[in-house]
Structures are given as structure tokens and as C-alpha cells.
PDB file of N, CA and C in Angstrom:
ATOM      1  N   MET A   1      97.187 161.215-190.423  1.00  0.00           N
ATOM      2  CA  MET A   1      97.708 162.262-189.860  1.00  0.00           C
ATOM      3  C   MET A   1      96.718 162.769-188.716  1.00  0.00           C
ATOM      4  N   SER A   2      97.089 162.940-187.560  1.00  0.00           N
ATOM      5  CA  SER A   2      96.168 163.489-186.558  1.00  0.00           C
ATOM      6  C   SER A   2      96.035 164.925-186.503  1.00  0.00           C
ATOM      7  N   LYS A   3      94.921 165.367-186.099  1.00  0.00           N
ATOM      8  CA  LYS A   3      94.704 166.896-185.959  1.00  0.00           C
ATOM      9  C   LYS A   3      95.214 167.423-184.666  1.00  0.00           C
ATOM     10  N   ALA A   4      95.999 168.446-184.719  1.00  0.00           N
ATOM     11  CA  ALA A   4      96.481 169.007-183.373  1.00  0.00           C
ATOM     12  C   ALA A   4      95.381 169.543-182.551  1.00  0.00           C
ATOM     13  N   GLN A   5      95.432 169.415-181.293  1.00  0.00           N
ATOM     14  CA  GLN A   5      94.394 169.795-180.449  1.00  0.00           C
ATOM     15  C   GLN A   5      94.681 171.320-180.113  1.00  0.00           C
ATOM     16  N   PRO A   6      93.544 172.053-180.027  1.00  0.00           N
ATOM     17  CA  PRO A   6      93.645 173.414-179.658  1.00  0.00           C
ATOM     18  C   PRO A   6      94.224 173.717-178.288  1.00  0.00           C
ATOM     19  N   ILE A   7      94.978 174.728-178.256  1.00  0.00           N
ATOM     20  CA  ILE A   7      95.548 175.291-177.064  1.00  0.00           C
ATOM     21  C   ILE A   7      94.581 176.291-176.463  1.00  0.00           C
ATOM     22  N   VAL A   8      94.210 176.192-175.273  1.00  0.00           N
ATOM     23  CA  VAL A   8      93.134 177.020-174.647  1.00  0.00           C
ATOM     24  C   VAL A   8      93.777 177.601-173.262  1.00  0.00           C
ATOM     25  N   THR A   9      93.513 178.987-173.191  1.00  0.00           N
ATOM     26  CA  THR A   9      93.972 179.613-172.000  1.00  0.00           C
ATOM     27  C   THR A   9      92.701 180.010-171.138  1.00  0.00           C
ATOM     28  N   TYR A  10      92.776 179.823-169.828  1.00  0.00           N
ATOM     29  CA  TYR A  10      91.742 180.183-169.053  1.00  0.00           C
ATOM     30  C   TYR A  10      92.330 181.183-167.929  1.00  0.00           C
ATOM     31  N   TRP A  11      91.562 182.168-167.486  1.00  0.00           N
ATOM     32  CA  TRP A  11      91.722 183.021-166.443  1.00  0.00           C
ATOM     33  C   TRP A  11      91.109 182.617-165.184  1.00  0.00           C
ATOM     34  N   ASP A  12      91.920 182.535-164.155  1.00  0.00           N
ATOM     35  CA  ASP A  12      91.428 182.062-162.789  1.00  0.00           C
ATOM     36  C   ASP A  12      90.940 183.301-162.105  1.00  0.00           C
ATOM     37  N   LYS A  13      89.671 183.470-161.989  1.00  0.00           N
ATOM     38  CA  LYS A  13      89.085 184.737-161.330  1.00  0.00           C
ATOM     39  C   LYS A  13      89.357 184.732-159.804  1.00  0.00           C
ATOM     40  N   ALA A  14      89.619 183.648-159.221  1.00  0.00           N
ATOM     41  CA  ALA A  14      89.662 183.532-157.656  1.00  0.00           C
ATOM     42  C   ALA A  14      91.106 183.572-157.092  1.00  0.00           C
ATOM     43  N   TYR A  15      92.075 182.872-157.885  1.00  0.00           N
ATOM     44  CA  TYR A  15      93.417 182.746-157.299  1.00  0.00           C
ATOM     45  C   TYR A  15      94.492 183.167-158.438  1.00  0.00           C
ATOM     46  N   LYS A  16      95.566 183.741-157.907  1.00  0.00           N
ATOM     47  CA  LYS A  16      96.696 183.922-158.645  1.00  0.00           C
ATOM     48  C   LYS A  16      97.539 182.678-159.067  1.00  0.00           C
ATOM     49  N   SER A  17      97.668 181.886-158.048  1.00  0.00           N
ATOM     50  CA  SER A  17      98.308 180.610-158.303  1.00  0.00           C
ATOM     51  C   SER A  17      97.623 179.536-157.526  1.00  0.00           C
ATOM     52  N   ARG A  18      97.483 178.292-158.044  1.00  0.00           N
ATOM     53  CA  ARG A  18      97.026 177.202-157.273  1.00  0.00           C
ATOM     54  C   ARG A  18      97.217 175.952-158.207  1.00  0.00           C
ATOM     55  N   VAL A  19      96.994 174.743-157.548  1.00  0.00           N
ATOM     56  CA  VAL A  19      97.057 173.499-158.247  1.00  0.00           C
ATOM     57  C   VAL A  19      95.619 172.834-158.224  1.00  0.00           C
ATOM     58  N   LEU A  20      95.144 172.410-159.316  1.00  0.00           N
ATOM     59  CA  LEU A  20      93.895 171.691-159.314  1.00  0.00           C
ATOM     60  C   LEU A  20      94.132 170.171-159.806  1.00  0.00           C
ATOM     61  N   ILE A  21      93.365 169.246-159.217  1.00  0.00           N
ATOM     62  CA  ILE A  21      93.434 167.841-159.631  1.00  0.00           C
ATOM     63  C   ILE A  21      92.009 167.578-160.287  1.00  0.00           C
ATOM     64  N   THR A  22      91.999 167.194-161.549  1.00  0.00           N
ATOM     65  CA  THR A  22      90.821 166.887-162.197  1.00  0.00           C
ATOM     66  C   THR A  22      90.195 165.558-161.867  1.00  0.00           C
ATOM     67  N   PRO A  23      88.998 165.366-162.247  1.00  0.00           N
ATOM     68  CA  PRO A  23      88.467 163.895-161.838  1.00  0.00           C
ATOM     69  C   PRO A  23      89.217 162.871-162.562  1.00  0.00           C
ATOM     70  N   GLU A  24      89.970 163.041-163.609  1.00  0.00           N
ATOM     71  CA  GLU A  24      90.777 162.099-164.235  1.00  0.00           C
ATOM     72  C   GLU A  24      92.150 161.964-163.593  1.00  0.00           C
ATOM     73  N   ASP A  25      92.297 162.670-162.523  1.00  0.00           N
ATOM     74  CA  ASP A  25      93.579 162.710-161.823  1.00  0.00           C
ATOM     75  C   ASP A  25      94.789 163.253-162.381  1.00  0.00           C
ATOM     76  N   ARG A  26      94.353 164.392-163.295  1.00  0.00           N
ATOM     77  CA  ARG A  26      95.423 165.233-163.900  1.00  0.00           C
ATOM     78  C   ARG A  26      95.685 166.450-163.086  1.00  0.00           C
ATOM     79  N   THR A  27      96.887 166.987-163.178  1.00  0.00           N
ATOM     80  CA  THR A  27      97.227 168.279-162.421  1.00  0.00           C
ATOM     81  C   THR A  27      97.158 169.348-163.309  1.00  0.00           C
ATOM     82  N   LEU A  28      96.503 170.428-162.944  1.00  0.00           N
ATOM     83  CA  LEU A  28      96.420 171.697-163.783  1.00  0.00           C
ATOM     84  C   LEU A  28      97.017 172.777-162.742  1.00  0.00           C
ATOM     85  N   VAL A  29      98.024 173.418-163.292  1.00  0.00           N
ATOM     86  CA  VAL A  29      98.765 174.541-162.466  1.00  0.00           C
ATOM     87  C   VAL A  29      98.398 175.849-162.929  1.00  0.00           C
ATOM     88  N   VAL A  30      97.756 176.673-162.055  1.00  0.00           N
ATOM     89  CA  VAL A  30      97.449 178.087-162.385  1.00  0.00           C
ATOM     90  C   VAL A  30      98.687 178.919-161.950  1.00  0.00           C
ATOM     91  N   ASP A  31      99.174 179.783-162.847  1.00  0.00           N
ATOM     92  CA  ASP A  31     100.284 180.603-162.664  1.00  0.00           C
ATOM     93  C   ASP A  31      99.953 181.979-163.162  1.00  0.00           C
ATOM     94  N   ASN A  32     100.082 183.012-162.371  1.00  0.00           N
ATOM     95  CA  ASN A  32      99.659 184.457-162.677  1.00  0.00           C
ATOM     96  C   ASN A  32      98.262 184.492-163.191  1.00  0.00           C
ATOM     97  N   HIS A  33      97.390 183.736-162.624  1.00  0.00           N
ATOM     98  CA  HIS A  33      95.887 183.740-162.979  1.00  0.00           C
ATOM     99  C   HIS A  33      95.514 182.896-164.092  1.00  0.00           C
ATOM    100  N   GLN A  34      96.561 182.377-164.710  1.00  0.00           N
ATOM    101  CA  GLN A  34      96.355 181.605-166.013  1.00  0.00           C
ATOM    102  C   GLN A  34      96.763 180.131-165.879  1.00  0.00           C
ATOM    103  N   VAL A  35      95.881 179.435-166.681  1.00  0.00           N
ATOM    104  CA  VAL A  35      96.222 177.896-166.944  1.00  0.00           C
ATOM    105  C   VAL A  35      96.115 177.667-168.331  1.00  0.00           C
ATOM    106  N   ILE A  36      97.094 177.083-169.055  1.00  0.00           N
ATOM    107  CA  ILE A  36      97.051 176.759-170.431  1.00  0.00           C
ATOM    108  C   ILE A  36      96.896 175.212-170.586  1.00  0.00           C
ATOM    109  N   ILE A  37      95.989 174.776-171.415  1.00  0.00           N
ATOM    110  CA  ILE A  37      95.648 173.357-171.547  1.00  0.00           C
ATOM    111  C   ILE A  37      95.266 173.110-172.926  1.00  0.00           C
ATOM    112  N   SER A  38      95.309 171.738-173.213  1.00  0.00           N
ATOM    113  CA  SER A  38      94.839 171.288-174.660  1.00  0.00           C
ATOM    114  C   SER A  38      94.052 170.081-174.653  1.00  0.00           C
ATOM    115  N   GLU A  39      93.998 169.309-173.597  1.00  0.00           N
ATOM    116  CA  GLU A  39      93.311 168.094-173.403  1.00  0.00           C
ATOM    117  C   GLU A  39      91.832 168.275-173.457  1.00  0.00           C
ATOM    118  N   PRO A  40      90.970 167.594-174.230  1.00  0.00           N
ATOM    119  CA  PRO A  40      89.496 167.785-174.252  1.00  0.00           C
ATOM    120  C   PRO A  40      88.836 167.589-172.890  1.00  0.00           C
ATOM    121  N   ASP A  41      89.295 166.646-171.961  1.00  0.00           N
ATOM    122  CA  ASP A  41      88.752 166.432-170.688  1.00  0.00           C
ATOM    123  C   ASP A  41      89.030 167.638-169.747  1.00  0.00           C
ATOM    124  N   GLU A  42      90.254 168.112-169.853  1.00  0.00           N
ATOM    125  CA  GLU A  42      90.623 169.312-169.060  1.00  0.00           C
ATOM    126  C   GLU A  42      89.893 170.514-169.545  1.00  0.00           C
ATOM    127  N   ILE A  43      89.633 170.703-170.732  1.00  0.00           N
ATOM    128  CA  ILE A  43      88.791 171.805-171.230  1.00  0.00           C
ATOM    129  C   ILE A  43      87.396 171.779-170.715  1.00  0.00           C
ATOM    130  N   ALA A  44      86.849 170.629-170.912  1.00  0.00           N
ATOM    131  CA  ALA A  44      85.435 170.341-170.410  1.00  0.00           C
ATOM    132  C   ALA A  44      85.403 170.621-168.825  1.00  0.00           C
ATOM    133  N   TYR A  45      86.408 170.282-168.147  1.00  0.00           N
ATOM    134  CA  TYR A  45      86.330 170.479-166.624  1.00  0.00           C
ATOM    135  C   TYR A  45      86.394 171.942-166.362  1.00  0.00           C
ATOM    136  N   LEU A  46      87.304 172.652-166.971  1.00  0.00           N
ATOM    137  CA  LEU A  46      87.404 174.216-166.728  1.00  0.00           C
ATOM    138  C   LEU A  46      86.162 174.962-167.212  1.00  0.00           C
ATOM    139  N   ASP A  47      85.590 174.393-168.332  1.00  0.00           N
ATOM    140  CA  ASP A  47      84.411 175.148-168.897  1.00  0.00           C
ATOM    141  C   ASP A  47      83.328 175.128-167.855  1.00  0.00           C
ATOM    142  N   LYS A  48      83.176 174.032-167.023  1.00  0.00           N
ATOM    143  CA  LYS A  48      82.199 173.837-166.051  1.00  0.00           C
ATOM    144  C   LYS A  48      82.575 174.512-164.708  1.00  0.00           C
ATOM    145  N   HIS A  49      83.811 174.959-164.572  1.00  0.00           N
ATOM    146  CA  HIS A  49      84.267 175.513-163.221  1.00  0.00           C
ATOM    147  C   HIS A  49      83.959 177.015-163.197  1.00  0.00           C
ATOM    148  N   ALA A  50      83.211 177.462-162.141  1.00  0.00           N
ATOM    149  CA  ALA A  50      82.751 178.879-162.040  1.00  0.00           C
ATOM    150  C   ALA A  50      83.992 179.898-161.891  1.00  0.00           C
ATOM    151  N   ASP A  51      85.126 179.288-161.371  1.00  0.00           N
ATOM    152  CA  ASP A  51      86.220 180.308-161.165  1.00  0.00           C
ATOM    153  C   ASP A  51      87.115 180.523-162.377  1.00  0.00           C
ATOM    154  N   PHE A  52      86.753 179.806-163.496  1.00  0.00           N
ATOM    155  CA  PHE A  52      87.625 180.040-164.683  1.00  0.00           C
ATOM    156  C   PHE A  52      86.880 180.651-165.893  1.00  0.00           C
ATOM    157  N   GLU A  53      87.518 181.587-166.496  1.00  0.00           N
ATOM    158  CA  GLU A  53      86.924 182.233-167.787  1.00  0.00           C
ATOM    159  C   GLU A  53      87.759 181.844-168.918  1.00  0.00           C
ATOM    160  N   ARG A  54      87.282 181.278-169.922  1.00  0.00           N
ATOM    161  CA  ARG A  54      87.952 180.889-171.074  1.00  0.00           C
ATOM    162  C   ARG A  54      88.321 182.269-171.934  1.00  0.00           C
ATOM    163  N   GLN A  55      89.589 182.364-172.331  1.00  0.00           N
ATOM    164  CA  GLN A  55      90.154 183.636-173.024  1.00  0.00           C
ATOM    165  C   GLN A  55      89.903 183.387-174.436  1.00  0.00           C
ATOM    166  N   LYS A  56      89.673 184.536-175.079  1.00  0.00           N
ATOM    167  CA  LYS A  56      89.521 184.473-176.509  1.00  0.00           C
ATOM    168  C   LYS A  56      90.935 184.296-177.115  1.00  0.00           C
ATOM    169  N   GLU A  57      90.887 183.728-178.281  1.00  0.00           N
ATOM    170  CA  GLU A  57      92.076 183.483-179.058  1.00  0.00           C
ATOM    171  C   GLU A  57      92.609 184.915-179.501  1.00  0.00           C
ATOM    172  N   ALA A  58      93.980 184.960-179.483  1.00  0.00           N
ATOM    173  CA  ALA A  58      94.576 186.249-180.108  1.00  0.00           C
ATOM    174  C   ALA A  58      94.536 186.348-181.508  1.00  0.00           C
TER     175      ALA A  58
END
């Protein structure tokens, strides 16, 4: 049985909406300052991006 990947929300401090292309050629869509992701490579990408702040889990 595989473990479910965590869902992580990031706040975009620079833009209300935009599209990012990761180095792995994945598309991340920012809507209303937020992007919600779960893939480890996407999480690592946004953790290193200065415009994004990881939100605490509710």
C-alpha cells in the first residue's frame, strides 16, 4: 500500500495569478495568490523560490 503524498499550499507573494513551468517541465498554476501541489519535485522547487511562502496546515 503506498502512502499518500502530502498536499501543500503556497502563497505567491508577488502575483495574484500566473503560470510557472518547473525544471521538470510541469505546469503550476497560481490562482488568487495560491498554488496547491503534492509532488515532491514541485514542493522542492517552490521551497527554493523566493516569491513563495509555504502555508501552515490547518
